[in-house]
Amino acid sequence: MWSPTIKLPLSKLSPMISPYSDEYFMKQAILEAQKAYDKNEVPVGAVVVANQQVIARSHNSTELLNDVTAHAEIQAITAASEFLGAKYLKGCTLYVTLEPCVMCAGALYWSQIDKIVFGARDEKRGASRYESLYHPKTIVTNGPLAEECGQLGKAFFKERRRVN
């Protein structure tokens, strides 16, 4: 039996559903944070995404590198810039398990990254208290998997207090 082909205008079609969501990419950052935890580093992980593709992955490496600036965000900015061959991260999103500190917020400002998504808030050292630290065009959001992101840090510091 013959069936006519119905052609709908593009405006009538539903948008394609992407498996890549903020939660998906935050889970990738959590995997990086777990690597830091396993190396006895403060468990913060980060990924930079461009066009739904992870272009950089990192985690804190301050102990390994003996460098107080080796935060996950700084490492991710450097790796993403190398990948892109550019100093600006326009069109990119950073997913990080913990709210960036003031140092990292400054570096993110200069990178001109489009969006920052962080999991857990850092009540003591987080940069959100100083909104002007981020580039005016950068969108900053939090919340995806905040509980999971925060648990790694809580477990890490609880263990450190028990050992010391």
C-alpha atoms as a PDB file:
ATOM      1  CA  MET A   1       0.000   0.000   0.000  1.00  0.00           C
ATOM      2  CA  TRP A   2       1.291   3.393  -0.970  1.00  0.00           C
ATOM      3  CA  SER A   3       1.860   6.002   1.753  1.00  0.00           C
ATOM      4  CA  PRO A   4       2.583   9.635   0.963  1.00  0.00           C
ATOM      5  CA  THR A   5       5.692  11.244   2.393  1.00  0.00           C
ATOM      6  CA  ILE A   6       4.786  14.155   4.564  1.00  0.00           C
ATOM      7  CA  LYS A   7       7.293  16.965   4.635  1.00  0.00           C
ATOM      8  CA  LEU A   8       7.039  19.239   7.635  1.00  0.00           C
ATOM      9  CA  PRO A   9       8.714  22.609   7.678  1.00  0.00           C
ATOM     10  CA  LEU A  10      11.771  22.638   9.963  1.00  0.00           C
ATOM     11  CA  SER A  11       9.972  24.937  12.368  1.00  0.00           C
ATOM     12  CA  LYS A  12       7.393  22.194  13.043  1.00  0.00           C
ATOM     13  CA  LEU A  13       9.957  19.520  13.905  1.00  0.00           C
ATOM     14  CA  SER A  14      10.927  19.037  17.515  1.00  0.00           C
ATOM     15  CA  PRO A  15      14.543  19.850  18.350  1.00  0.00           C
ATOM     16  CA  MET A  16      16.968  16.967  18.367  1.00  0.00           C
ATOM     17  CA  ILE A  17      17.508  15.605  21.852  1.00  0.00           C
ATOM     18  CA  SER A  18      21.146  15.571  22.850  1.00  0.00           C
ATOM     19  CA  PRO A  19      22.534  13.049  25.329  1.00  0.00           C
ATOM     20  CA  TYR A  20      25.051  15.713  26.330  1.00  0.00           C
ATOM     21  CA  SER A  21      23.677  17.787  29.175  1.00  0.00           C
ATOM     22  CA  ASP A  22      25.185  19.790  32.010  1.00  0.00           C
ATOM     23  CA  GLU A  23      24.860  16.655  34.142  1.00  0.00           C
ATOM     24  CA  TYR A  24      26.753  14.556  31.590  1.00  0.00           C
ATOM     25  CA  PHE A  25      29.668  16.968  31.447  1.00  0.00           C
ATOM     26  CA  MET A  26      29.660  17.473  35.224  1.00  0.00           C
ATOM     27  CA  LYS A  27      30.019  13.704  35.587  1.00  0.00           C
ATOM     28  CA  GLN A  28      33.124  13.976  33.426  1.00  0.00           C
ATOM     29  CA  ALA A  29      34.467  16.631  35.801  1.00  0.00           C
ATOM     30  CA  ILE A  30      33.649  14.368  38.770  1.00  0.00           C
ATOM     31  CA  LEU A  31      35.760  11.617  37.181  1.00  0.00           C
ATOM     32  CA  GLU A  32      38.645  14.098  37.104  1.00  0.00           C
ATOM     33  CA  ALA A  33      38.033  15.056  40.740  1.00  0.00           C
ATOM     34  CA  GLN A  34      38.195  11.374  41.679  1.00  0.00           C
ATOM     35  CA  LYS A  35      41.631  11.176  40.016  1.00  0.00           C
ATOM     36  CA  ALA A  36      42.776  14.066  42.215  1.00  0.00           C
ATOM     37  CA  TYR A  37      41.334  12.377  45.308  1.00  0.00           C
ATOM     38  CA  ASP A  38      43.181   9.156  44.459  1.00  0.00           C
ATOM     39  CA  LYS A  39      46.436  11.157  44.198  1.00  0.00           C
ATOM     40  CA  ASN A  40      45.844  12.825  47.590  1.00  0.00           C
ATOM     41  CA  GLU A  41      45.107  16.162  45.907  1.00  0.00           C
ATOM     42  CA  VAL A  42      42.143  18.344  46.852  1.00  0.00           C
ATOM     43  CA  PRO A  43      39.440  16.655  44.729  1.00  0.00           C
ATOM     44  CA  VAL A  44      38.487  19.255  42.152  1.00  0.00           C
ATOM     45  CA  GLY A  45      37.997  18.266  38.534  1.00  0.00           C
ATOM     46  CA  ALA A  46      37.286  20.270  35.412  1.00  0.00           C
ATOM     47  CA  VAL A  47      36.483  19.787  31.747  1.00  0.00           C
ATOM     48  CA  VAL A  48      36.217  22.334  28.955  1.00  0.00           C
ATOM     49  CA  VAL A  49      33.597  21.677  26.286  1.00  0.00           C
ATOM     50  CA  ALA A  50      33.293  23.122  22.790  1.00  0.00           C
ATOM     51  CA  ASN A  51      30.611  22.001  20.325  1.00  0.00           C
ATOM     52  CA  GLN A  52      29.454  19.225  22.683  1.00  0.00           C
ATOM     53  CA  GLN A  53      32.990  17.790  22.761  1.00  0.00           C
ATOM     54  CA  VAL A  54      35.358  17.668  25.727  1.00  0.00           C
ATOM     55  CA  ILE A  55      38.503  19.444  24.547  1.00  0.00           C
ATOM     56  CA  ALA A  56      40.328  19.557  27.898  1.00  0.00           C
ATOM     57  CA  ARG A  57      40.312  17.572  31.140  1.00  0.00           C
ATOM     58  CA  SER A  58      42.134  18.321  34.352  1.00  0.00           C
ATOM     59  CA  HIS A  59      42.201  18.020  38.106  1.00  0.00           C
ATOM     60  CA  ASN A  60      44.081  19.692  40.907  1.00  0.00           C
ATOM     61  CA  SER A  61      47.813  18.975  40.740  1.00  0.00           C
ATOM     62  CA  THR A  62      49.195  21.360  43.345  1.00  0.00           C
ATOM     63  CA  GLU A  63      50.926  18.624  45.367  1.00  0.00           C
ATOM     64  CA  LEU A  64      52.312  16.755  42.363  1.00  0.00           C
ATOM     65  CA  LEU A  65      53.662  19.897  40.704  1.00  0.00           C
ATOM     66  CA  ASN A  66      54.516  21.657  43.974  1.00  0.00           C
ATOM     67  CA  ASP A  67      52.688  24.657  42.516  1.00  0.00           C
ATOM     68  CA  VAL A  68      49.920  26.530  44.323  1.00  0.00           C
ATOM     69  CA  THR A  69      48.523  27.721  40.975  1.00  0.00           C
ATOM     70  CA  ALA A  70      48.003  24.196  39.585  1.00  0.00           C
ATOM     71  CA  HIS A  71      44.249  24.269  40.179  1.00  0.00           C
ATOM     72  CA  ALA A  72      41.982  22.197  37.938  1.00  0.00           C
ATOM     73  CA  GLU A  73      40.579  25.314  36.230  1.00  0.00           C
ATOM     74  CA  ILE A  74      44.017  26.755  35.420  1.00  0.00           C
ATOM     75  CA  GLN A  75      45.159  23.414  34.004  1.00  0.00           C
ATOM     76  CA  ALA A  76      41.953  23.164  31.948  1.00  0.00           C
ATOM     77  CA  ILE A  77      42.322  26.683  30.541  1.00  0.00           C
ATOM     78  CA  THR A  78      45.878  25.906  29.439  1.00  0.00           C
ATOM     79  CA  ALA A  79      44.930  22.566  27.852  1.00  0.00           C
ATOM     80  CA  ALA A  80      41.905  24.046  26.055  1.00  0.00           C
ATOM     81  CA  SER A  81      43.952  26.966  24.736  1.00  0.00           C
ATOM     82  CA  GLU A  82      46.552  24.536  23.401  1.00  0.00           C
ATOM     83  CA  PHE A  83      43.832  22.417  21.791  1.00  0.00           C
ATOM     84  CA  LEU A  84      42.241  25.437  20.108  1.00  0.00           C
ATOM     85  CA  GLY A  85      45.503  27.187  19.294  1.00  0.00           C
ATOM     86  CA  ALA A  86      44.024  30.351  20.778  1.00  0.00           C
ATOM     87  CA  LYS A  87      44.229  32.245  24.036  1.00  0.00           C
ATOM     88  CA  TYR A  88      40.511  32.992  24.219  1.00  0.00           C
ATOM     89  CA  LEU A  89      37.968  30.290  24.996  1.00  0.00           C
ATOM     90  CA  LYS A  90      35.017  31.841  23.199  1.00  0.00           C
ATOM     91  CA  GLY A  91      32.366  29.252  22.432  1.00  0.00           C
ATOM     92  CA  CYS A  92      33.526  27.083  25.339  1.00  0.00           C
ATOM     93  CA  THR A  93      32.006  25.997  28.644  1.00  0.00           C
ATOM     94  CA  LEU A  94      33.960  25.046  31.755  1.00  0.00           C
ATOM     95  CA  TYR A  95      32.428  22.389  34.019  1.00  0.00           C
ATOM     96  CA  VAL A  96      34.125  22.296  37.408  1.00  0.00           C
ATOM     97  CA  THR A  97      33.137  20.369  40.517  1.00  0.00           C
ATOM     98  CA  LEU A  98      33.820  23.224  42.946  1.00  0.00           C
ATOM     99  CA  GLU A  99      33.105  26.922  42.609  1.00  0.00           C
ATOM    100  CA  PRO A 100      36.227  28.667  41.269  1.00  0.00           C
ATOM    101  CA  CYS A 101      38.413  30.621  43.676  1.00  0.00           C
ATOM    102  CA  VAL A 102      39.357  34.246  43.084  1.00  0.00           C
ATOM    103  CA  MET A 103      42.598  33.273  41.282  1.00  0.00           C
ATOM    104  CA  CYS A 104      40.782  30.932  38.911  1.00  0.00           C
ATOM    105  CA  ALA A 105      37.968  33.453  38.347  1.00  0.00           C
ATOM    106  CA  GLY A 106      40.588  35.976  37.270  1.00  0.00           C
ATOM    107  CA  ALA A 107      42.132  33.525  34.814  1.00  0.00           C
ATOM    108  CA  LEU A 108      38.674  32.649  33.499  1.00  0.00           C
ATOM    109  CA  TYR A 109      37.966  36.365  33.060  1.00  0.00           C
ATOM    110  CA  TRP A 110      41.026  36.755  30.848  1.00  0.00           C
ATOM    111  CA  SER A 111      40.156  33.608  28.863  1.00  0.00           C
ATOM    112  CA  GLN A 112      36.779  35.174  27.952  1.00  0.00           C
ATOM    113  CA  ILE A 113      35.109  31.786  28.325  1.00  0.00           C
ATOM    114  CA  ASP A 114      31.407  31.822  27.426  1.00  0.00           C
ATOM    115  CA  LYS A 115      30.044  29.820  30.327  1.00  0.00           C
ATOM    116  CA  ILE A 116      31.098  28.376  33.680  1.00  0.00           C
ATOM    117  CA  VAL A 117      29.069  25.621  35.337  1.00  0.00           C
ATOM    118  CA  PHE A 118      30.176  24.587  38.813  1.00  0.00           C
ATOM    119  CA  GLY A 119      28.838  21.884  41.100  1.00  0.00           C
ATOM    120  CA  ALA A 120      29.377  22.639  44.777  1.00  0.00           C
ATOM    121  CA  ARG A 121      29.662  26.114  46.259  1.00  0.00           C
ATOM    122  CA  ASP A 122      32.839  27.056  48.096  1.00  0.00           C
ATOM    123  CA  GLU A 123      31.494  29.131  50.972  1.00  0.00           C
ATOM    124  CA  LYS A 124      34.974  30.129  52.202  1.00  0.00           C
ATOM    125  CA  ARG A 125      36.954  30.829  49.037  1.00  0.00           C
ATOM    126  CA  GLY A 126      34.462  30.901  46.171  1.00  0.00           C
ATOM    127  CA  ALA A 127      34.489  33.790  43.742  1.00  0.00           C
ATOM    128  CA  SER A 128      30.694  34.129  43.474  1.00  0.00           C
ATOM    129  CA  ARG A 129      30.747  36.692  46.257  1.00  0.00           C
ATOM    130  CA  TYR A 130      32.591  38.961  43.819  1.00  0.00           C
ATOM    131  CA  GLU A 131      30.479  38.899  40.658  1.00  0.00           C
ATOM    132  CA  SER A 132      32.688  41.442  38.898  1.00  0.00           C
ATOM    133  CA  LEU A 133      35.552  38.919  38.838  1.00  0.00           C
ATOM    134  CA  TYR A 134      34.019  37.112  35.877  1.00  0.00           C
ATOM    135  CA  HIS A 135      33.972  38.522  32.363  1.00  0.00           C
ATOM    136  CA  PRO A 136      30.733  40.487  31.813  1.00  0.00           C
ATOM    137  CA  LYS A 137      29.749  38.194  28.921  1.00  0.00           C
ATOM    138  CA  THR A 138      30.431  34.974  30.859  1.00  0.00           C
ATOM    139  CA  ILE A 139      27.379  33.103  32.128  1.00  0.00           C
ATOM    140  CA  VAL A 140      27.989  31.508  35.531  1.00  0.00           C
ATOM    141  CA  THR A 141      25.649  28.846  36.889  1.00  0.00           C
ATOM    142  CA  ASN A 142      25.795  26.242  39.594  1.00  0.00           C
ATOM    143  CA  GLY A 143      23.897  23.267  40.818  1.00  0.00           C
ATOM    144  CA  PRO A 144      24.279  20.280  38.516  1.00  0.00           C
ATOM    145  CA  LEU A 145      25.221  17.370  40.773  1.00  0.00           C
ATOM    146  CA  ALA A 146      26.160  19.785  43.563  1.00  0.00           C
ATOM    147  CA  GLU A 147      25.636  17.121  46.218  1.00  0.00           C
ATOM    148  CA  GLU A 148      27.887  14.594  44.475  1.00  0.00           C
ATOM    149  CA  CYS A 149      30.547  17.238  43.848  1.00  0.00           C
ATOM    150  CA  GLY A 150      30.489  18.357  47.481  1.00  0.00           C
ATOM    151  CA  GLN A 151      30.705  14.810  48.863  1.00  0.00           C
ATOM    152  CA  LEU A 152      34.160  14.232  47.378  1.00  0.00           C
ATOM    153  CA  GLY A 153      35.559  17.302  49.109  1.00  0.00           C
ATOM    154  CA  LYS A 154      33.863  16.522  52.409  1.00  0.00           C
ATOM    155  CA  ALA A 155      35.179  12.944  52.375  1.00  0.00           C
ATOM    156  CA  PHE A 156      38.682  14.134  51.473  1.00  0.00           C
ATOM    157  CA  PHE A 157      38.938  16.672  54.300  1.00  0.00           C
ATOM    158  CA  LYS A 158      37.285  14.345  56.823  1.00  0.00           C
ATOM    159  CA  GLU A 159      39.911  11.730  55.996  1.00  0.00           C
ATOM    160  CA  ARG A 160      42.723  14.307  56.208  1.00  0.00           C
ATOM    161  CA  ARG A 161      41.573  15.452  59.665  1.00  0.00           C
ATOM    162  CA  ARG A 162      41.442  11.845  60.836  1.00  0.00           C
ATOM    163  CA  VAL A 163      44.990  11.112  59.599  1.00  0.00           C
ATOM    164  CA  ASN A 164      46.535  14.302  61.016  1.00  0.00           C
END
